[in-house]
C-alpha atoms as a PDB file:
ATOM      1  CA  MET A   1     112.774 118.658  85.235  1.00  0.00           C
ATOM      2  CA  PRO A   2     109.943 116.511  86.433  1.00  0.00           C
ATOM      3  CA  ILE A   3     106.179 117.949  86.285  1.00  0.00           C
ATOM      4  CA  TYR A   4     104.741 117.781  89.572  1.00  0.00           C
ATOM      5  CA  GLU A   5     100.739 117.958  90.300  1.00  0.00           C
ATOM      6  CA  TYR A   6      99.369 119.974  93.137  1.00  0.00           C
ATOM      7  CA  ILE A   7      95.918 120.698  94.374  1.00  0.00           C
ATOM      8  CA  ALA A   8      94.428 122.922  97.248  1.00  0.00           C
ATOM      9  CA  SER A   9      94.161 121.274 100.610  1.00  0.00           C
ATOM     10  CA  ASP A  10      90.796 122.467 100.723  1.00  0.00           C
ATOM     11  CA  PRO A  11      89.424 123.034  97.254  1.00  0.00           C
ATOM     12  CA  GLU A  12      86.552 125.199  98.607  1.00  0.00           C
ATOM     13  CA  GLN A  13      88.844 127.771  99.856  1.00  0.00           C
ATOM     14  CA  GLY A  14      91.322 128.073  97.290  1.00  0.00           C
ATOM     15  CA  CYS A  15      91.446 130.281  93.852  1.00  0.00           C
ATOM     16  CA  ARG A  16      90.319 129.050  90.610  1.00  0.00           C
ATOM     17  CA  VAL A  17      93.861 127.577  89.814  1.00  0.00           C
ATOM     18  CA  CYS A  18      94.704 125.469  92.775  1.00  0.00           C
ATOM     19  CA  SER A  19      90.968 124.182  93.316  1.00  0.00           C
ATOM     20  CA  GLN A  20      91.153 122.641  90.100  1.00  0.00           C
ATOM     21  CA  GLY A  21      94.832 121.504  90.469  1.00  0.00           C
ATOM     22  CA  PHE A  22      97.773 122.756  88.334  1.00  0.00           C
ATOM     23  CA  GLU A  23     101.038 121.142  87.076  1.00  0.00           C
ATOM     24  CA  LEU A  24     104.189 122.777  87.375  1.00  0.00           C
ATOM     25  CA  ARG A  25     108.099 121.902  86.397  1.00  0.00           C
ATOM     26  CA  ARG A  26     110.256 122.081  88.983  1.00  0.00           C
ATOM     27  CA  PRO A  27     114.009 120.768  89.731  1.00  0.00           C
ATOM     28  CA  VAL A  28     114.348 117.530  91.832  1.00  0.00           C
ATOM     29  CA  ASP A  29     116.463 119.166  94.367  1.00  0.00           C
ATOM     30  CA  ARG A  30     114.008 121.664  95.533  1.00  0.00           C
ATOM     31  CA  ALA A  31     111.442 121.313  98.018  1.00  0.00           C
ATOM     32  CA  PRO A  32     107.713 120.583  97.383  1.00  0.00           C
ATOM     33  CA  LEU A  33     105.566 123.596  97.254  1.00  0.00           C
ATOM     34  CA  GLU A  34     103.289 123.940 100.158  1.00  0.00           C
ATOM     35  CA  ASN A  35     101.311 127.372  99.313  1.00  0.00           C
ATOM     36  CA  CYS A  36      99.352 128.485  96.136  1.00  0.00           C
ATOM     37  CA  LEU A  37     101.558 130.483  94.137  1.00  0.00           C
ATOM     38  CA  ILE A  38      98.352 132.972  93.286  1.00  0.00           C
ATOM     39  CA  CYS A  39      96.254 132.779  96.441  1.00  0.00           C
ATOM     40  CA  LYS A  40      99.058 131.728  98.970  1.00  0.00           C
ATOM     41  CA  LYS A  41      96.272 129.129 100.500  1.00  0.00           C
ATOM     42  CA  PRO A  42      97.947 125.594 101.786  1.00  0.00           C
ATOM     43  CA  ILE A  43      98.493 122.930  98.551  1.00  0.00           C
ATOM     44  CA  ARG A  44      99.374 119.441  98.836  1.00  0.00           C
ATOM     45  CA  LYS A  45     101.438 117.697  96.032  1.00  0.00           C
ATOM     46  CA  VAL A  46      99.389 114.904  94.132  1.00  0.00           C
ATOM     47  CA  ILE A  47     100.584 111.430  92.991  1.00  0.00           C
ATOM     48  CA  SER A  48     100.177 111.381  89.428  1.00  0.00           C
ATOM     49  CA  GLN A  49      99.810 108.692  87.084  1.00  0.00           C
ATOM     50  CA  VAL A  50     102.575 107.050  85.493  1.00  0.00           C
ATOM     51  CA  ASN A  51     102.744 107.001  81.606  1.00  0.00           C
ATOM     52  CA  THR A  52     103.362 103.680  80.217  1.00  0.00           C
ATOM     53  CA  PRO A  53     103.110 102.508  76.807  1.00  0.00           C
ATOM     54  CA  LYS A  54     100.029 100.220  76.182  1.00  0.00           C
ATOM     55  CA  VAL A  55     101.181  97.516  73.683  1.00  0.00           C
ATOM     56  CA  ALA A  56      97.559  96.246  72.070  1.00  0.00           C
ATOM     57  CA  LYS A  57      99.103  93.017  70.747  1.00  0.00           C
ATOM     58  CA  PRO A  58     102.113  91.288  70.417  1.00  0.00           C
ATOM     59  CA  LEU A  59     104.848  92.390  67.576  1.00  0.00           C
ATOM     60  CA  SER A  60     105.045  90.488  64.524  1.00  0.00           C
ATOM     61  CA  VAL A  61     108.202  89.927  62.794  1.00  0.00           C
ATOM     62  CA  VAL A  62     107.302  91.984  60.147  1.00  0.00           C
ATOM     63  CA  ASP A  63     106.311  94.937  63.030  1.00  0.00           C
ATOM     64  CA  ALA A  64     109.840  94.017  64.662  1.00  0.00           C
ATOM     65  CA  LYS A  65     111.630  94.210  61.259  1.00  0.00           C
ATOM     66  CA  LYS A  66     110.291  97.616  60.483  1.00  0.00           C
ATOM     67  CA  ALA A  67     111.415  98.884  63.633  1.00  0.00           C
ATOM     68  CA  GLY A  68     114.815  98.034  63.136  1.00  0.00           C
ATOM     69  CA  PHE A  69     115.294  94.738  65.169  1.00  0.00           C
ATOM     70  CA  THR A  70     117.202  91.932  63.516  1.00  0.00           C
ATOM     71  CA  ILE A  71     115.216  88.803  63.910  1.00  0.00           C
ATOM     72  CA  LEU A  72     116.905  85.329  64.493  1.00  0.00           C
ATOM     73  CA  GLU A  73     115.167  81.655  64.306  1.00  0.00           C
ATOM     74  CA  LYS A  74     116.884  78.832  66.134  1.00  0.00           C
ATOM     75  CA  ARG A  75     117.798  76.329  63.866  1.00  0.00           C
ATOM     76  CA  ASP A  76     119.874  73.666  65.683  1.00  0.00           C
ATOM     77  CA  GLU A  77     121.808  73.312  69.240  1.00  0.00           C
ATOM     78  CA  GLY A  78     123.399  76.742  69.393  1.00  0.00           C
ATOM     79  CA  VAL A  79     122.919  77.711  65.659  1.00  0.00           C
ATOM     80  CA  TYR A  80     120.546  80.789  64.642  1.00  0.00           C
ATOM     81  CA  GLU A  81     119.651  81.738  61.190  1.00  0.00           C
ATOM     82  CA  LYS A  82     119.040  85.270  60.426  1.00  0.00           C
ATOM     83  CA  LEU A  83     115.603  86.089  58.872  1.00  0.00           C
END
């Protein structure tokens, strides 16, 4: 189930939970919430940041081998040698 983020449409009128925003796990096939579960004020769904891995440096041959990859080096036309 994906995690959705919601925040009050007007943070000054919402309760403590929805004025600061909250996360909720819901099935994909359900419609988005329109009202806060606690204070019943209108809320809106927030587009959240996508979690992507950050690679600081390219992988070295040693790092790739530790990760379980097979390292091949081109020796000739169509010929590769396992390192």
